[in-house]
Amino acid sequence: MEAKIRSANEDAGGKSSIDDMSLVIRLSRTGKRGERKFRIVVKEKRSRRDGKSLETLGWYELGTQKGLKEVKKDRYKYWLSVGAIPSERVLKILGK
């Protein structure tokens, strides 16, 4: 008798969707040592800080006077509507 191992997705009907994941909007570090540059990305909550992301929403550069930033606001609003939770730092950067 062979035991079949099932994943959580198979138990839920075998479909993997965005609703099954805990999503977070956070910063992912890029750039050289001493240059503090970050991407604003959407990731699964359990993934590493600099691991694979679902989508890049923009960037943020900390080394400048006020911090340069560029964000795709329409995509940011979409991910919020889907249920992604922004980190405290992202909320502080975007001023929301």
PDB file of N, CA and C in Angstrom:
ATOM      1  N   MET A   1       0.835  -1.162   0.000  1.00  0.00           N
ATOM      2  CA  MET A   1       0.000   0.000   0.000  1.00  0.00           C
ATOM      3  C   MET A   1       0.893   1.243   0.000  1.00  0.00           C
ATOM      4  N   GLU A   2       0.650   2.113  -0.968  1.00  0.00           N
ATOM      5  CA  GLU A   2       1.441   3.329  -1.106  1.00  0.00           C
ATOM      6  C   GLU A   2       0.686   4.517  -0.539  1.00  0.00           C
ATOM      7  N   ALA A   3       1.342   5.278   0.303  1.00  0.00           N
ATOM      8  CA  ALA A   3       0.709   6.470   0.868  1.00  0.00           C
ATOM      9  C   ALA A   3       0.954   7.646  -0.071  1.00  0.00           C
ATOM     10  N   LYS A   4      -0.089   8.372  -0.340  1.00  0.00           N
ATOM     11  CA  LYS A   4       0.034   9.533  -1.226  1.00  0.00           C
ATOM     12  C   LYS A   4       0.163  10.789  -0.366  1.00  0.00           C
ATOM     13  N   ILE A   5       1.185  11.542  -0.654  1.00  0.00           N
ATOM     14  CA  ILE A   5       1.411  12.788   0.074  1.00  0.00           C
ATOM     15  C   ILE A   5       0.713  13.905  -0.682  1.00  0.00           C
ATOM     16  N   ARG A   6      -0.096  14.661   0.025  1.00  0.00           N
ATOM     17  CA  ARG A   6      -0.832  15.755  -0.608  1.00  0.00           C
ATOM     18  C   ARG A   6      -0.350  17.093  -0.069  1.00  0.00           C
ATOM     19  N   SER A   7      -0.349  18.053  -0.938  1.00  0.00           N
ATOM     20  CA  SER A   7      -0.044  19.414  -0.500  1.00  0.00           C
ATOM     21  C   SER A   7      -1.338  20.093  -0.083  1.00  0.00           C
ATOM     22  N   ALA A   8      -1.207  21.233   0.538  1.00  0.00           N
ATOM     23  CA  ALA A   8      -2.386  21.992   0.960  1.00  0.00           C
ATOM     24  C   ALA A   8      -3.208  22.424  -0.249  1.00  0.00           C
ATOM     25  N   ASN A   9      -2.550  22.697  -1.378  1.00  0.00           N
ATOM     26  CA  ASN A   9      -3.268  23.121  -2.581  1.00  0.00           C
ATOM     27  C   ASN A   9      -4.107  21.989  -3.156  1.00  0.00           C
ATOM     28  N   GLU A  10      -3.610  20.757  -3.101  1.00  0.00           N
ATOM     29  CA  GLU A  10      -4.378  19.629  -3.615  1.00  0.00           C
ATOM     30  C   GLU A  10      -5.617  19.387  -2.763  1.00  0.00           C
ATOM     31  N   ASP A  11      -5.488  19.573  -1.455  1.00  0.00           N
ATOM     32  CA  ASP A  11      -6.640  19.404  -0.573  1.00  0.00           C
ATOM     33  C   ASP A  11      -7.718  20.437  -0.856  1.00  0.00           C
ATOM     34  N   ALA A  12      -7.316  21.588  -1.342  1.00  0.00           N
ATOM     35  CA  ALA A  12      -8.268  22.665  -1.623  1.00  0.00           C
ATOM     36  C   ALA A  12      -8.782  22.604  -3.053  1.00  0.00           C
ATOM     37  N   GLY A  13      -8.631  21.494  -3.704  1.00  0.00           N
ATOM     38  CA  GLY A  13      -9.145  21.367  -5.060  1.00  0.00           C
ATOM     39  C   GLY A  13      -8.059  21.373  -6.119  1.00  0.00           C
ATOM     40  N   GLY A  14      -6.783  21.396  -5.709  1.00  0.00           N
ATOM     41  CA  GLY A  14      -5.690  21.338  -6.656  1.00  0.00           C
ATOM     42  C   GLY A  14      -5.374  22.636  -7.355  1.00  0.00           C
ATOM     43  N   LYS A  15      -6.007  23.713  -6.968  1.00  0.00           N
ATOM     44  CA  LYS A  15      -5.774  24.994  -7.621  1.00  0.00           C
ATOM     45  C   LYS A  15      -4.902  25.868  -6.742  1.00  0.00           C
ATOM     46  N   SER A  16      -3.895  26.461  -7.342  1.00  0.00           N
ATOM     47  CA  SER A  16      -3.052  27.412  -6.640  1.00  0.00           C
ATOM     48  C   SER A  16      -3.449  28.805  -7.102  1.00  0.00           C
ATOM     49  N   SER A  17      -3.750  29.663  -6.178  1.00  0.00           N
ATOM     50  CA  SER A  17      -4.150  31.015  -6.560  1.00  0.00           C
ATOM     51  C   SER A  17      -3.542  32.018  -5.598  1.00  0.00           C
ATOM     52  N   ILE A  18      -3.701  33.277  -5.934  1.00  0.00           N
ATOM     53  CA  ILE A  18      -3.180  34.346  -5.091  1.00  0.00           C
ATOM     54  C   ILE A  18      -3.872  34.341  -3.739  1.00  0.00           C
ATOM     55  N   ASP A  19      -5.135  33.928  -3.695  1.00  0.00           N
ATOM     56  CA  ASP A  19      -5.880  33.925  -2.439  1.00  0.00           C
ATOM     57  C   ASP A  19      -5.303  32.949  -1.419  1.00  0.00           C
ATOM     58  N   ASP A  20      -4.588  31.911  -1.881  1.00  0.00           N
ATOM     59  CA  ASP A  20      -4.033  30.915  -0.981  1.00  0.00           C
ATOM     60  C   ASP A  20      -2.775  31.415  -0.273  1.00  0.00           C
ATOM     61  N   MET A  21      -2.137  32.443  -0.801  1.00  0.00           N
ATOM     62  CA  MET A  21      -0.872  32.914  -0.261  1.00  0.00           C
ATOM     63  C   MET A  21      -1.075  34.101   0.678  1.00  0.00           C
ATOM     64  N   SER A  22      -0.182  34.226   1.639  1.00  0.00           N
ATOM     65  CA  SER A  22      -0.125  35.433   2.451  1.00  0.00           C
ATOM     66  C   SER A  22       0.840  36.369   1.739  1.00  0.00           C
ATOM     67  N   LEU A  23       0.323  37.472   1.210  1.00  0.00           N
ATOM     68  CA  LEU A  23       1.144  38.392   0.436  1.00  0.00           C
ATOM     69  C   LEU A  23       1.529  39.599   1.257  1.00  0.00           C
ATOM     70  N   VAL A  24       2.713  40.114   0.976  1.00  0.00           N
ATOM     71  CA  VAL A  24       3.203  41.299   1.668  1.00  0.00           C
ATOM     72  C   VAL A  24       3.927  42.184   0.656  1.00  0.00           C
ATOM     73  N   ILE A  25       3.807  43.487   0.842  1.00  0.00           N
ATOM     74  CA  ILE A  25       4.544  44.458   0.026  1.00  0.00           C
ATOM     75  C   ILE A  25       5.701  44.924   0.896  1.00  0.00           C
ATOM     76  N   ARG A  26       6.915  44.646   0.449  1.00  0.00           N
ATOM     77  CA  ARG A  26       8.087  44.960   1.268  1.00  0.00           C
ATOM     78  C   ARG A  26       9.245  45.443   0.428  1.00  0.00           C
ATOM     79  N   LEU A  27      10.353  45.753   1.074  1.00  0.00           N
ATOM     80  CA  LEU A  27      11.550  46.218   0.384  1.00  0.00           C
ATOM     81  C   LEU A  27      12.495  45.048   0.136  1.00  0.00           C
ATOM     82  N   SER A  28      13.149  45.070  -1.024  1.00  0.00           N
ATOM     83  CA  SER A  28      14.171  44.084  -1.363  1.00  0.00           C
ATOM     84  C   SER A  28      15.432  44.867  -1.704  1.00  0.00           C
ATOM     85  N   ARG A  29      16.529  44.583  -1.018  1.00  0.00           N
ATOM     86  CA  ARG A  29      17.738  45.384  -1.172  1.00  0.00           C
ATOM     87  C   ARG A  29      18.485  45.052  -2.458  1.00  0.00           C
ATOM     88  N   THR A  30      18.975  46.107  -3.116  1.00  0.00           N
ATOM     89  CA  THR A  30      19.816  45.964  -4.312  1.00  0.00           C
ATOM     90  C   THR A  30      20.975  46.940  -4.176  1.00  0.00           C
ATOM     91  N   GLY A  31      21.862  46.975  -5.149  1.00  0.00           N
ATOM     92  CA  GLY A  31      22.955  47.943  -5.139  1.00  0.00           C
ATOM     93  C   GLY A  31      24.212  47.407  -4.476  1.00  0.00           C
ATOM     94  N   LYS A  32      25.253  48.214  -4.544  1.00  0.00           N
ATOM     95  CA  LYS A  32      26.544  47.835  -3.980  1.00  0.00           C
ATOM     96  C   LYS A  32      26.580  48.101  -2.482  1.00  0.00           C
ATOM     97  N   ARG A  33      27.653  47.627  -1.875  1.00  0.00           N
ATOM     98  CA  ARG A  33      27.859  47.876  -0.463  1.00  0.00           C
ATOM     99  C   ARG A  33      27.989  49.389  -0.245  1.00  0.00           C
ATOM    100  N   GLY A  34      27.284  49.918   0.722  1.00  0.00           N
ATOM    101  CA  GLY A  34      27.335  51.349   0.997  1.00  0.00           C
ATOM    102  C   GLY A  34      26.288  52.157   0.244  1.00  0.00           C
ATOM    103  N   GLU A  35      25.713  51.588  -0.793  1.00  0.00           N
ATOM    104  CA  GLU A  35      24.635  52.254  -1.533  1.00  0.00           C
ATOM    105  C   GLU A  35      23.322  51.609  -1.134  1.00  0.00           C
ATOM    106  N   ARG A  36      22.491  52.345  -0.443  1.00  0.00           N
ATOM    107  CA  ARG A  36      21.241  51.773   0.044  1.00  0.00           C
ATOM    108  C   ARG A  36      20.131  52.015  -0.967  1.00  0.00           C
ATOM    109  N   LYS A  37      19.903  51.025  -1.816  1.00  0.00           N
ATOM    110  CA  LYS A  37      18.849  51.078  -2.819  1.00  0.00           C
ATOM    111  C   LYS A  37      17.936  49.885  -2.591  1.00  0.00           C
ATOM    112  N   PHE A  38      16.644  50.114  -2.763  1.00  0.00           N
ATOM    113  CA  PHE A  38      15.677  49.051  -2.517  1.00  0.00           C
ATOM    114  C   PHE A  38      14.652  49.016  -3.635  1.00  0.00           C
ATOM    115  N   ARG A  39      14.124  47.833  -3.898  1.00  0.00           N
ATOM    116  CA  ARG A  39      12.967  47.673  -4.764  1.00  0.00           C
ATOM    117  C   ARG A  39      11.757  47.487  -3.867  1.00  0.00           C
ATOM    118  N   ILE A  40      10.629  48.046  -4.270  1.00  0.00           N
ATOM    119  CA  ILE A  40       9.371  47.817  -3.564  1.00  0.00           C
ATOM    120  C   ILE A  40       8.692  46.678  -4.307  1.00  0.00           C
ATOM    121  N   VAL A  41       8.536  45.529  -3.638  1.00  0.00           N
ATOM    122  CA  VAL A  41       8.078  44.313  -4.302  1.00  0.00           C
ATOM    123  C   VAL A  41       6.915  43.663  -3.565  1.00  0.00           C
ATOM    124  N   VAL A  42       6.189  42.814  -4.299  1.00  0.00           N
ATOM    125  CA  VAL A  42       5.133  41.981  -3.719  1.00  0.00           C
ATOM    126  C   VAL A  42       5.696  40.573  -3.626  1.00  0.00           C
ATOM    127  N   LYS A  43       5.622  39.986  -2.423  1.00  0.00           N
ATOM    128  CA  LYS A  43       6.169  38.654  -2.193  1.00  0.00           C
ATOM    129  C   LYS A  43       5.236  37.837  -1.338  1.00  0.00           C
ATOM    130  N   GLU A  44       5.481  36.547  -1.334  1.00  0.00           N
ATOM    131  CA  GLU A  44       4.819  35.684  -0.375  1.00  0.00           C
ATOM    132  C   GLU A  44       5.498  35.930   0.970  1.00  0.00           C
ATOM    133  N   LYS A  45       4.738  35.963   2.026  1.00  0.00           N
ATOM    134  CA  LYS A  45       5.249  36.342   3.340  1.00  0.00           C
ATOM    135  C   LYS A  45       6.408  35.473   3.811  1.00  0.00           C
ATOM    136  N   ARG A  46       6.393  34.196   3.471  1.00  0.00           N
ATOM    137  CA  ARG A  46       7.418  33.282   3.969  1.00  0.00           C
ATOM    138  C   ARG A  46       8.722  33.332   3.184  1.00  0.00           C
ATOM    139  N   SER A  47       8.790  34.071   2.078  1.00  0.00           N
ATOM    140  CA  SER A  47      10.000  34.096   1.263  1.00  0.00           C
ATOM    141  C   SER A  47      11.065  34.999   1.881  1.00  0.00           C
ATOM    142  N   ARG A  48      12.301  34.811   1.422  1.00  0.00           N
ATOM    143  CA  ARG A  48      13.428  35.597   1.929  1.00  0.00           C
ATOM    144  C   ARG A  48      13.336  37.055   1.473  1.00  0.00           C
ATOM    145  N   ARG A  49      14.067  37.917   2.151  1.00  0.00           N
ATOM    146  CA  ARG A  49      14.032  39.346   1.823  1.00  0.00           C
ATOM    147  C   ARG A  49      14.436  39.611   0.378  1.00  0.00           C
ATOM    148  N   ASP A  50      15.501  38.969  -0.089  1.00  0.00           N
ATOM    149  CA  ASP A  50      16.000  39.216  -1.441  1.00  0.00           C
ATOM    150  C   ASP A  50      15.671  38.075  -2.399  1.00  0.00           C
ATOM    151  N   GLY A  51      14.719  37.231  -2.047  1.00  0.00           N
ATOM    152  CA  GLY A  51      14.327  36.114  -2.899  1.00  0.00           C
ATOM    153  C   GLY A  51      13.426  36.548  -4.038  1.00  0.00           C
ATOM    154  N   LYS A  52      12.850  35.566  -4.708  1.00  0.00           N
ATOM    155  CA  LYS A  52      11.995  35.836  -5.872  1.00  0.00           C
ATOM    156  C   LYS A  52      10.723  36.566  -5.446  1.00  0.00           C
ATOM    157  N   SER A  53      10.334  37.541  -6.259  1.00  0.00           N
ATOM    158  CA  SER A  53       9.122  38.308  -5.967  1.00  0.00           C
ATOM    159  C   SER A  53       8.079  38.081  -7.056  1.00  0.00           C
ATOM    160  N   LEU A  54       6.825  38.355  -6.729  1.00  0.00           N
ATOM    161  CA  LEU A  54       5.742  38.223  -7.702  1.00  0.00           C
ATOM    162  C   LEU A  54       5.730  39.393  -8.678  1.00  0.00           C
ATOM    163  N   GLU A  55       5.971  40.603  -8.158  1.00  0.00           N
ATOM    164  CA  GLU A  55       5.974  41.791  -9.011  1.00  0.00           C
ATOM    165  C   GLU A  55       6.781  42.898  -8.341  1.00  0.00           C
ATOM    166  N   THR A  56       7.490  43.663  -9.152  1.00  0.00           N
ATOM    167  CA  THR A  56       8.205  44.837  -8.659  1.00  0.00           C
ATOM    168  C   THR A  56       7.327  46.056  -8.881  1.00  0.00           C
ATOM    169  N   LEU A  57       7.021  46.759  -7.798  1.00  0.00           N
ATOM    170  CA  LEU A  57       6.128  47.911  -7.875  1.00  0.00           C
ATOM    171  C   LEU A  57       6.869  49.233  -8.040  1.00  0.00           C
ATOM    172  N   GLY A  58       8.142  49.263  -7.712  1.00  0.00           N
ATOM    173  CA  GLY A  58       8.897  50.504  -7.832  1.00  0.00           C
ATOM    174  C   GLY A  58      10.239  50.375  -7.144  1.00  0.00           C
ATOM    175  N   TRP A  59      10.856  51.516  -6.864  1.00  0.00           N
ATOM    176  CA  TRP A  59      12.151  51.528  -6.205  1.00  0.00           C
ATOM    177  C   TRP A  59      12.247  52.688  -5.232  1.00  0.00           C
ATOM    178  N   TYR A  60      13.241  52.596  -4.348  1.00  0.00           N
ATOM    179  CA  TYR A  60      13.469  53.610  -3.331  1.00  0.00           C
ATOM    180  C   TYR A  60      14.966  53.704  -3.087  1.00  0.00           C
ATOM    181  N   GLU A  61      15.497  54.933  -3.115  1.00  0.00           N
ATOM    182  CA  GLU A  61      16.919  55.142  -2.895  1.00  0.00           C
ATOM    183  C   GLU A  61      17.094  55.983  -1.639  1.00  0.00           C
ATOM    184  N   LEU A  62      17.711  55.414  -0.637  1.00  0.00           N
ATOM    185  CA  LEU A  62      17.801  56.038   0.679  1.00  0.00           C
ATOM    186  C   LEU A  62      18.920  57.058   0.792  1.00  0.00           C
ATOM    187  N   GLY A  63      19.969  56.954  -0.008  1.00  0.00           N
ATOM    188  CA  GLY A  63      21.143  57.799   0.135  1.00  0.00           C
ATOM    189  C   GLY A  63      20.930  59.272  -0.183  1.00  0.00           C
ATOM    190  N   THR A  64      19.862  59.635  -0.838  1.00  0.00           N
ATOM    191  CA  THR A  64      19.628  61.025  -1.203  1.00  0.00           C
ATOM    192  C   THR A  64      18.979  61.791  -0.054  1.00  0.00           C
ATOM    193  N   GLN A  65      18.846  63.103  -0.231  1.00  0.00           N
ATOM    194  CA  GLN A  65      18.342  63.966   0.832  1.00  0.00           C
ATOM    195  C   GLN A  65      16.972  63.535   1.365  1.00  0.00           C
ATOM    196  N   LYS A  66      15.981  63.461   0.501  1.00  0.00           N
ATOM    197  CA  LYS A  66      14.643  63.072   0.938  1.00  0.00           C
ATOM    198  C   LYS A  66      14.316  61.631   0.566  1.00  0.00           C
ATOM    199  N   GLY A  67      15.186  60.964  -0.122  1.00  0.00           N
ATOM    200  CA  GLY A  67      14.934  59.596  -0.556  1.00  0.00           C
ATOM    201  C   GLY A  67      14.132  59.582  -1.841  1.00  0.00           C
ATOM    202  N   LEU A  68      14.806  59.301  -2.952  1.00  0.00           N
ATOM    203  CA  LEU A  68      14.113  59.219  -4.238  1.00  0.00           C
ATOM    204  C   LEU A  68      13.237  57.985  -4.248  1.00  0.00           C
ATOM    205  N   LYS A  69      12.068  58.105  -4.850  1.00  0.00           N
ATOM    206  CA  LYS A  69      11.184  56.950  -4.950  1.00  0.00           C
ATOM    207  C   LYS A  69      10.342  57.042  -6.205  1.00  0.00           C
ATOM    208  N   GLU A  70       9.967  55.886  -6.691  1.00  0.00           N
ATOM    209  CA  GLU A  70       9.069  55.799  -7.838  1.00  0.00           C
ATOM    210  C   GLU A  70       8.224  54.546  -7.636  1.00  0.00           C
ATOM    211  N   VAL A  71       6.905  54.704  -7.710  1.00  0.00           N
ATOM    212  CA  VAL A  71       5.998  53.595  -7.443  1.00  0.00           C
ATOM    213  C   VAL A  71       4.885  53.572  -8.487  1.00  0.00           C
ATOM    214  N   LYS A  72       4.528  52.380  -8.948  1.00  0.00           N
ATOM    215  CA  LYS A  72       3.365  52.213  -9.831  1.00  0.00           C
ATOM    216  C   LYS A  72       2.132  52.190  -8.930  1.00  0.00           C
ATOM    217  N   LYS A  73       1.488  53.333  -8.791  1.00  0.00           N
ATOM    218  CA  LYS A  73       0.386  53.461  -7.834  1.00  0.00           C
ATOM    219  C   LYS A  73      -0.817  52.610  -8.185  1.00  0.00           C
ATOM    220  N   ASP A  74      -1.102  52.441  -9.473  1.00  0.00           N
ATOM    221  CA  ASP A  74      -2.250  51.612  -9.854  1.00  0.00           C
ATOM    222  C   ASP A  74      -2.024  50.156  -9.460  1.00  0.00           C
ATOM    223  N   ARG A  75      -0.803  49.643  -9.649  1.00  0.00           N
ATOM    224  CA  ARG A  75      -0.496  48.262  -9.257  1.00  0.00           C
ATOM    225  C   ARG A  75      -0.454  48.118  -7.734  1.00  0.00           C
ATOM    226  N   TYR A  76       0.025  49.161  -7.052  1.00  0.00           N
ATOM    227  CA  TYR A  76       0.046  49.153  -5.586  1.00  0.00           C
ATOM    228  C   TYR A  76      -1.379  49.029  -5.045  1.00  0.00           C
ATOM    229  N   LYS A  77      -2.298  49.804  -5.618  1.00  0.00           N
ATOM    230  CA  LYS A  77      -3.701  49.743  -5.192  1.00  0.00           C
ATOM    231  C   LYS A  77      -4.318  48.386  -5.513  1.00  0.00           C
ATOM    232  N   TYR A  78      -3.949  47.811  -6.662  1.00  0.00           N
ATOM    233  CA  TYR A  78      -4.461  46.492  -7.021  1.00  0.00           C
ATOM    234  C   TYR A  78      -4.045  45.448  -5.980  1.00  0.00           C
ATOM    235  N   TRP A  79      -2.752  45.436  -5.634  1.00  0.00           N
ATOM    236  CA  TRP A  79      -2.275  44.433  -4.680  1.00  0.00           C
ATOM    237  C   TRP A  79      -2.891  44.640  -3.300  1.00  0.00           C
ATOM    238  N   LEU A  80      -3.157  45.870  -2.920  1.00  0.00           N
ATOM    239  CA  LEU A  80      -3.850  46.112  -1.652  1.00  0.00           C
ATOM    240  C   LEU A  80      -5.266  45.539  -1.712  1.00  0.00           C
ATOM    241  N   SER A  81      -5.933  45.693  -2.865  1.00  0.00           N
ATOM    242  CA  SER A  81      -7.299  45.183  -2.998  1.00  0.00           C
ATOM    243  C   SER A  81      -7.346  43.655  -2.983  1.00  0.00           C
ATOM    244  N   VAL A  82      -6.271  43.022  -3.431  1.00  0.00           N
ATOM    245  CA  VAL A  82      -6.194  41.562  -3.436  1.00  0.00           C
ATOM    246  C   VAL A  82      -5.932  41.029  -2.029  1.00  0.00           C
ATOM    247  N   GLY A  83      -5.370  41.866  -1.166  1.00  0.00           N
ATOM    248  CA  GLY A  83      -5.135  41.441   0.211  1.00  0.00           C
ATOM    249  C   GLY A  83      -3.687  41.494   0.653  1.00  0.00           C
ATOM    250  N   ALA A  84      -2.800  42.051  -0.155  1.00  0.00           N
ATOM    251  CA  ALA A  84      -1.398  42.175   0.244  1.00  0.00           C
ATOM    252  C   ALA A  84      -1.287  43.211   1.354  1.00  0.00           C
ATOM    253  N   ILE A  85      -0.430  42.925   2.319  1.00  0.00           N
ATOM    254  CA  ILE A  85      -0.255  43.800   3.472  1.00  0.00           C
ATOM    255  C   ILE A  85       1.091  44.504   3.352  1.00  0.00           C
ATOM    256  N   PRO A  86       1.115  45.836   3.313  1.00  0.00           N
ATOM    257  CA  PRO A  86       2.402  46.551   3.228  1.00  0.00           C
ATOM    258  C   PRO A  86       3.134  46.510   4.564  1.00  0.00           C
ATOM    259  N   SER A  87       4.457  46.439   4.499  1.00  0.00           N
ATOM    260  CA  SER A  87       5.262  46.461   5.718  1.00  0.00           C
ATOM    261  C   SER A  87       5.244  47.866   6.311  1.00  0.00           C
ATOM    262  N   GLU A  88       5.687  47.982   7.547  1.00  0.00           N
ATOM    263  CA  GLU A  88       5.710  49.292   8.212  1.00  0.00           C
ATOM    264  C   GLU A  88       6.600  50.270   7.458  1.00  0.00           C
ATOM    265  N   ARG A  89       7.733  49.795   6.974  1.00  0.00           N
ATOM    266  CA  ARG A  89       8.689  50.660   6.262  1.00  0.00           C
ATOM    267  C   ARG A  89       8.077  51.165   4.940  1.00  0.00           C
ATOM    268  N   VAL A  90       7.388  50.297   4.224  1.00  0.00           N
ATOM    269  CA  VAL A  90       6.742  50.710   2.963  1.00  0.00           C
ATOM    270  C   VAL A  90       5.681  51.762   3.240  1.00  0.00           C
ATOM    271  N   LEU A  91       4.891  51.567   4.290  1.00  0.00           N
ATOM    272  CA  LEU A  91       3.870  52.575   4.645  1.00  0.00           C
ATOM    273  C   LEU A  91       4.523  53.916   4.976  1.00  0.00           C
ATOM    274  N   LYS A  92       5.660  53.870   5.670  1.00  0.00           N
ATOM    275  CA  LYS A  92       6.358  55.107   6.034  1.00  0.00           C
ATOM    276  C   LYS A  92       6.920  55.804   4.796  1.00  0.00           C
ATOM    277  N   ILE A  93       7.478  55.040   3.859  1.00  0.00           N
ATOM    278  CA  ILE A  93       8.057  55.596   2.633  1.00  0.00           C
ATOM    279  C   ILE A  93       6.983  56.233   1.765  1.00  0.00           C
ATOM    280  N   LEU A  94       5.873  55.527   1.599  1.00  0.00           N
ATOM    281  CA  LEU A  94       4.817  56.023   0.712  1.00  0.00           C
ATOM    282  C   LEU A  94       3.933  57.057   1.380  1.00  0.00           C
ATOM    283  N   GLY A  95       4.095  57.266   2.681  1.00  0.00           N
ATOM    284  CA  GLY A  95       3.357  58.304   3.384  1.00  0.00           C
ATOM    285  C   GLY A  95       1.881  58.014   3.489  1.00  0.00           C
ATOM    286  N   LYS A  96       1.522  56.771   3.737  1.00  0.00           N
ATOM    287  CA  LYS A  96       0.096  56.418   3.824  1.00  0.00           C
ATOM    288  C   LYS A  96      -0.208  55.909   5.199  1.00  0.00           C
TER     289      LYS A  96
END
